[in-house]
Each structure stands twice: as C-alpha cells, then as structure tokens.
Protein backbone atom coordinates (compact mmCIF):
# COMPACT_ATOMS: atom_id res chain seq x y z
CA MET A 1 -27.61 18.09 28.53
CA ARG A 2 -27.20 15.89 24.92
CA HIS A 3 -24.19 16.72 23.17
CA THR A 4 -23.58 16.33 19.60
CA LEU A 5 -20.52 16.22 17.39
CA PRO A 6 -19.47 19.70 15.66
CA ILE A 7 -20.14 19.59 12.12
CA ALA A 8 -16.73 21.03 10.56
CA PRO A 9 -13.95 18.59 11.44
CA GLN A 10 -11.72 20.03 14.39
CA PHE A 11 -7.88 19.61 13.34
CA TYR A 12 -4.94 19.12 15.45
CA VAL A 13 -1.03 19.08 15.36
CA THR A 14 1.36 16.65 17.35
CA ALA A 15 3.83 16.91 19.51
CA PRO A 16 7.53 16.83 17.63
CA GLN A 17 9.19 13.68 17.76
CA PRO A 18 12.43 12.25 16.01
CA CYS A 19 11.65 11.39 12.54
CA PRO A 20 11.76 7.89 11.51
CA TYR A 21 12.88 8.30 8.18
CA LEU A 22 15.09 11.12 8.05
CA GLU A 23 18.43 11.11 10.54
CA GLY A 24 18.43 14.29 12.53
CA ARG A 25 15.20 15.78 11.59
CA MET A 26 11.41 15.95 13.41
CA GLU A 27 8.34 14.87 12.51
CA ARG A 28 5.17 16.78 13.40
CA LYS A 29 1.71 15.69 11.96
CA LEU A 30 -2.00 17.21 11.39
CA PHE A 31 -4.85 15.19 12.50
CA THR A 32 -8.75 15.32 12.70
CA ALA A 33 -10.89 12.55 13.79
CA LEU A 34 -13.02 10.47 11.28
CA GLN A 35 -16.08 10.38 12.92
CA GLY A 36 -19.99 11.32 12.52
CA ASP A 37 -22.45 10.74 9.51
CA ASN A 38 -20.23 11.77 6.86
CA THR A 39 -16.97 9.57 7.30
CA THR A 40 -16.74 8.08 3.66
CA GLU A 41 -16.90 11.70 2.46
CA LEU A 42 -14.50 13.43 4.62
CA ASN A 43 -11.98 10.13 4.11
CA ASP A 44 -12.35 10.27 0.08
CA ALA A 45 -11.84 14.18 0.39
CA LEU A 46 -8.59 14.49 2.66
CA SER A 47 -7.59 11.25 0.74
CA HIS A 48 -7.45 13.12 -2.23
CA GLN A 49 -5.43 16.04 -0.38
CA GLY A 50 -2.42 14.06 1.10
CA PHE A 51 -4.37 12.58 4.51
CA ARG A 52 -3.68 8.99 5.33
CA ARG A 53 -6.09 6.89 7.79
CA SER A 54 -5.25 5.15 10.90
CA GLN A 55 -8.15 3.81 12.91
CA ASN A 56 -10.38 6.48 13.24
CA VAL A 57 -7.96 9.30 12.41
CA LEU A 58 -6.83 10.95 9.32
CA TYR A 59 -3.54 12.62 9.43
CA ARG A 60 -0.98 13.94 7.14
CA PRO A 61 2.90 15.04 7.86
CA SER A 62 3.01 18.75 9.03
CA CYS A 63 7.00 19.14 9.63
CA ALA A 64 8.30 22.27 10.76
CA ASP A 65 11.55 22.20 9.01
CA CYS A 66 11.02 20.29 5.97
CA CYS A 67 8.23 18.82 3.60
CA ALA A 68 9.96 15.83 2.66
CA CYS A 69 7.24 13.03 3.13
CA LEU A 70 5.07 13.23 -0.24
CA SER A 71 1.74 11.33 0.05
CA ALA A 72 2.30 8.65 -3.24
CA ARG A 73 -0.18 6.94 -5.47
CA ILE A 74 -0.45 5.01 -8.52
CA ASN A 75 -2.04 6.44 -11.61
CA ILE A 76 -3.01 2.65 -13.38
CA ALA A 77 -3.72 4.40 -16.73
CA ASN A 78 0.26 5.33 -16.80
CA PHE A 79 1.33 1.79 -15.24
CA SER A 80 2.95 -0.94 -16.85
CA GLN A 81 4.88 -3.58 -15.08
CA SER A 82 8.95 -3.54 -15.86
CA LYS A 83 10.70 -6.82 -16.45
CA SER A 84 11.27 -7.58 -12.88
CA GLN A 85 8.08 -6.69 -12.02
CA LYS A 86 6.53 -9.46 -14.43
CA ARG A 87 8.83 -12.07 -12.88
CA THR A 88 7.86 -11.33 -9.47
CA VAL A 89 4.02 -11.80 -10.34
CA ARG A 90 5.13 -15.03 -12.08
CA ARG A 91 7.15 -16.26 -8.75
CA ASN A 92 3.98 -15.71 -6.88
CA ALA A 93 1.65 -17.39 -9.11
CA ASP A 94 0.99 -20.07 -6.49
CA LEU A 95 -0.81 -17.54 -4.12
CA GLN A 96 -4.39 -17.33 -3.72
CA ARG A 97 -6.00 -13.99 -3.09
CA ARG A 98 -9.49 -13.77 -0.73
CA ALA A 99 -10.67 -10.51 0.47
CA THR A 100 -12.68 -10.57 3.83
CA SER A 101 -14.16 -8.15 6.20
CA PRO A 102 -11.71 -6.36 8.90
CA TRP A 103 -11.46 -8.51 11.15
CA ALA A 104 -8.27 -9.78 12.79
CA THR A 105 -7.21 -13.42 13.09
CA GLU A 106 -4.38 -15.22 15.22
CA ASP A 107 -2.96 -16.28 11.81
CA GLN A 108 -2.71 -12.69 10.87
CA PHE A 109 -1.04 -11.56 14.60
CA ASP A 110 1.26 -14.28 14.28
CA LEU A 111 2.42 -13.29 10.85
CA PHE A 112 2.47 -9.19 11.72
CA ARG A 113 4.66 -10.27 14.55
CA ARG A 114 7.49 -12.13 12.33
CA TYR A 115 7.46 -9.23 9.54
CA LEU A 116 8.01 -6.73 12.52
CA ASP A 117 10.84 -8.52 14.30
CA ASN A 118 12.35 -9.29 11.24
CA ARG A 119 11.90 -5.62 9.16
CA HIS A 120 10.93 -3.10 11.80
CA ALA A 121 12.39 -4.40 15.54
CA ASP A 122 13.05 -1.03 16.36
CA GLY A 123 9.77 0.99 14.79
CA GLY A 124 6.96 2.83 16.45
CA MET A 125 4.82 -0.65 15.74
CA ALA A 126 7.32 -3.02 17.36
CA ASP A 127 5.77 -3.24 20.71
CA MET A 128 1.96 -3.78 19.64
CA ASP A 129 0.59 -6.46 21.25
CA VAL A 130 -2.97 -8.43 19.96
CA PHE A 131 -5.12 -5.97 21.19
CA GLU A 132 -3.66 -2.83 19.78
CA PHE A 133 -3.20 -5.24 16.64
CA ALA A 134 -6.98 -5.87 16.39
CA ALA A 135 -7.91 -2.33 16.90
CA MET A 136 -5.76 -1.36 13.70
CA ILE A 137 -7.68 -3.69 11.63
CA GLU A 138 -11.07 -3.83 12.88
CA GLU A 139 -11.29 0.14 13.76
CA THR A 140 -12.31 1.35 11.01
CA PRO A 141 -15.89 4.01 10.11
CA ILE A 142 -15.28 3.18 6.51
CA ARG A 143 -15.60 0.30 3.79
CA SER A 144 -12.21 -1.55 4.51
CA ARG A 145 -10.97 -4.68 3.75
CA VAL A 146 -8.73 -7.24 4.74
CA VAL A 147 -6.73 -8.96 1.72
CA GLU A 148 -5.01 -12.31 2.75
CA TYR A 149 -2.78 -14.26 0.28
CA THR A 150 -2.17 -18.11 1.01
CA ASP A 151 -0.42 -20.39 -0.21
CA LYS A 152 -2.53 -22.42 -2.84
CA HIS A 153 -0.80 -25.88 -1.47
CA THR A 154 -0.30 -25.57 2.25
CA GLN A 155 -3.09 -22.74 2.78
CA ASP A 156 -0.19 -20.88 5.02
CA LEU A 157 -0.90 -17.31 5.34
CA ILE A 158 1.61 -15.35 3.26
CA GLY A 159 0.76 -11.83 3.14
CA VAL A 160 -1.69 -9.53 4.51
CA SER A 161 -2.97 -5.73 3.53
CA LEU A 162 -5.29 -3.50 5.23
CA THR A 163 -7.25 -1.82 2.23
CA ASP A 164 -9.57 0.81 2.08
CA MET A 165 -12.00 1.29 -0.76
CA LEU A 166 -12.15 4.80 -1.90
CA GLU A 167 -14.44 6.48 -4.50
CA ASP A 168 -11.69 6.70 -6.68
CA GLY A 169 -9.25 4.03 -5.88
CA LEU A 170 -8.07 1.62 -3.40
CA SER A 171 -5.70 2.72 -0.05
CA MET A 172 -3.37 0.35 1.03
CA VAL A 173 -3.51 1.44 4.82
CA TYR A 174 -0.99 -1.46 5.98
CA SER A 175 0.64 -4.65 4.79
CA PHE A 176 2.92 -7.38 5.96
CA TYR A 177 4.07 -10.60 4.72
CA GLU A 178 6.04 -13.42 5.48
CA PRO A 179 9.93 -11.49 6.06
CA GLY A 180 11.58 -15.44 5.39
CA LEU A 181 10.67 -15.55 1.93
CA PRO A 182 12.87 -12.78 0.53
CA ARG A 183 12.82 -14.10 -3.45
CA ARG A 184 9.00 -13.66 -3.45
CA SER A 185 9.36 -9.80 -3.17
CA LEU A 186 6.23 -9.97 -1.66
CA GLY A 187 5.74 -6.49 -0.68
CA THR A 188 5.95 -5.64 -4.55
CA TYR A 189 3.58 -8.44 -5.10
CA LEU A 190 0.96 -6.78 -2.88
CA ILE A 191 1.13 -3.59 -4.42
CA LEU A 192 1.28 -5.07 -8.37
CA ASP A 193 -1.94 -7.42 -7.15
CA HIS A 194 -4.01 -4.32 -5.75
CA ILE A 195 -3.07 -2.57 -8.92
CA GLU A 196 -5.02 -5.47 -11.02
CA ILE A 197 -7.60 -5.50 -8.36
CA ALA A 198 -8.06 -1.44 -8.88
CA ARG A 199 -8.12 -1.92 -12.79
CA GLU A 200 -10.61 -5.31 -12.96
CA ALA A 201 -12.72 -2.81 -10.44
CA GLY A 202 -12.46 0.36 -12.62
CA LEU A 203 -10.23 2.16 -10.27
CA PRO A 204 -7.84 4.87 -11.59
CA TYR A 205 -5.47 4.97 -8.27
CA VAL A 206 -3.69 3.21 -5.97
CA TYR A 207 -2.75 5.09 -2.92
CA LEU A 208 0.49 3.62 -1.50
CA GLY A 209 1.26 5.89 1.58
CA TYR A 210 4.16 8.52 1.77
CA TRP A 211 7.11 8.41 0.03
CA VAL A 212 10.39 9.96 0.93
CA PRO A 213 13.10 10.96 -0.70
CA GLY A 214 16.40 9.66 0.39
CA SER A 215 14.71 7.20 3.01
CA SER A 216 16.22 3.27 2.30
CA LYS A 217 12.73 2.35 3.65
CA MET A 218 10.23 4.06 1.26
CA GLY A 219 12.82 4.01 -1.61
CA TYR A 220 10.61 0.95 -3.40
CA LYS A 221 7.69 2.99 -4.16
CA ALA A 222 9.73 4.72 -6.85
CA SER A 223 9.87 1.68 -8.67
CA PHE A 224 6.41 1.45 -9.86
CA SER A 225 5.53 3.69 -13.31
CA GLY A 226 2.64 5.99 -13.04
CA LEU A 227 4.16 7.21 -9.39
CA GLU A 228 2.46 10.36 -8.80
CA VAL A 229 3.30 12.44 -5.11
CA PHE A 230 1.04 15.22 -3.64
CA SER A 231 3.34 18.08 -3.59
CA GLY A 232 2.43 22.16 -3.86
CA GLY A 233 -1.28 21.12 -2.88
CA ARG A 234 -1.96 18.80 -6.04
CA TRP A 235 -0.95 15.46 -7.58
CA GLN A 236 2.19 15.87 -10.17
CA ALA A 237 3.42 12.92 -11.93
CA MET A 238 6.87 11.62 -10.46
CA ASN A 239 8.78 11.03 -13.66
CA ASP A 240 12.43 11.15 -12.38
CA PRO A 241 12.50 9.52 -8.97
CA ASP A 242 15.84 9.36 -9.05
CA GLY A 243 16.35 13.18 -9.58
CA PHE A 244 14.08 14.05 -7.18
CA GLU A 245 15.28 15.84 -4.46
CA ALA A 246 13.34 16.20 -0.89
CA ASP A 247 12.60 20.17 0.22
CA LEU A 248 14.35 20.52 3.58
CA HIS A 249 14.24 24.51 3.90
CA PRO A 250 12.86 25.63 7.07
CA LEU A 251 10.32 27.78 5.17
CA SER A 252 8.82 24.93 2.95
CA THR A 253 6.23 24.37 4.75
CA ASP A 254 2.91 26.98 5.39
CA PRO A 255 1.97 27.53 8.86
CA ILE A 256 -0.73 25.51 10.52
CA ALA A 257 -3.34 28.23 9.98
CA GLU A 258 -2.94 28.41 6.44
CA GLN A 259 -2.90 24.55 5.85
CA VAL A 260 -5.69 24.22 7.61
CA ALA A 261 -7.55 27.14 5.83
CA ASN A 262 -6.51 25.58 1.88
CA ILE A 263 -8.25 22.11 3.18
CA SER A 264 -11.12 21.61 0.73
CA LEU A 265 -13.82 19.85 3.03
CA PRO A 266 -17.07 18.03 1.69
CA ASP A 267 -20.49 19.50 2.58
CA MET A 268 -20.74 18.14 5.98
CA CYS A 269 -24.57 18.60 5.87
CA ALA A 270 -25.64 16.90 2.81
CA ARG A 271 -27.19 13.71 5.19
CA ARG A 272 -28.64 15.79 7.82
CA PRO A 273 -32.30 16.65 7.80
C-alpha cells in the first residue's frame, strides 16, 4: 500500500513544561511538521504568523496561562543604528563574513560548546552532542545558510548564525559566538550584520525569534529600533519596549482549536499535478 502525506498540515501541542524565561510559568508549543512539496511556502506563511523553524518543525508558543512570548522582527526601513551599535560595528571591523551551505563542522561545534557552557549551561540545549548539533544545522527542508564570522588576521571562528531565507527577509534561526570576547558585543553585531545583508538584498525584515518582556535572556532584542512584534494576530510596531507589559492573564490565550482555525495556510495544491 502506498502512503502519501496529507495535503493540509496537521497541528499538535506539546505537553506543558517549566518556562525557561519566566519563573513559575509553564510553557506549551503549537507545532507542525515542515514536510512535503510546499515547504518553502508553508515556512513563509507560518513565519509571517509568528512561527519559528527548528529542523523540520515549525512551532509557536501556545501557553495556557499567558501569551508573553512574542515573535519579533526588525523592520529595516525603520531601523537606524544607535551610538552604541555604531561602536559595535567599528569594534568588529576586523571580522570577515562567509555564507555557506548548511553543513556542520568541528570548528562550529567547538565554538557552540564553549558558548553553551558559558552562557546557557542550564538550558535545554546544554546536553547536545555533535550528532544533535549536526542535525540542527543540516536538517533543513528550505533555503538556509550558515553565516560564519572569522578573525581576518588569525582566521579563528568567532561567530555563527544558522539563517533561513524567507520571501520577505532573513530569519536568524540560531546564533552562537565566542563567549570570551565580551567587548565585541558579538550577539548584537551578528544581528546588525544580518540587517546589512538583508538591506543589500532588498529584503524588508530580519526575524529574531521571540522577545519576552521581563526576561533578561531576551531583553537585548528591545535595543533595536524598528522592532515589530506579532501580537493579536498581526505585526505591530514596538515603540516603547520599556513600557510594554506582558499579558499574563490566564484568558489571554485562545483555545487551541481557535488558534488553528485562524492560521492562514498557503495553497498546498499549487505544485501538485
């Protein structure tokens, strides 16, 4: 018997587990598989609605008690560098950028382990081995690139970003960098350089993942002008991040059935004969 994939994506919900961003909260995710003939169209459509990619899965927070996690992107037309960001660009002028196919290397994994051990030793990825790392980098059904940053003089690998190419921008799926160089502000620099890459390519947005008001781990994203968040079913300009309060009300999240019913899907039959 021949089996075929369903035309419409099927959505599922993860079991609740402790929230890594807000103490005392439980997180839950709505997700679907990224597979079939229309992966690019599906990834674009759901990214526009606050979803993120992890290998061949697209997910979005769907917590039962709050909706504090907001998908964030930078509207490049409304972005301008702050004084401190200009200094960050100057401090990293000796770095060389190289975009390659999504292929994992030993140098990348060594840098990844140093980054995790220093910055996220108690995080959900802390126990990732080389095979899981390779899967994170290489298992992508869409157009992705590994953007590497090396020291022009020593050729040492300093930073890496796994980046997806969307129809309207770049999505920084996961970034890591040398933790022993705090003066470089490498996390900020990688975002600034992706803004420049998108601008050169004529793309209007850089997608950053989730911004969580009140979480120190995610606070750096609010330092970029032109920030937009996906809230209430649409993208909204975040003009006052410091004055924004996360919605922690238990009725702030729609029931799962309503969430799925309100997701706009691309024409999944477009490429079928």
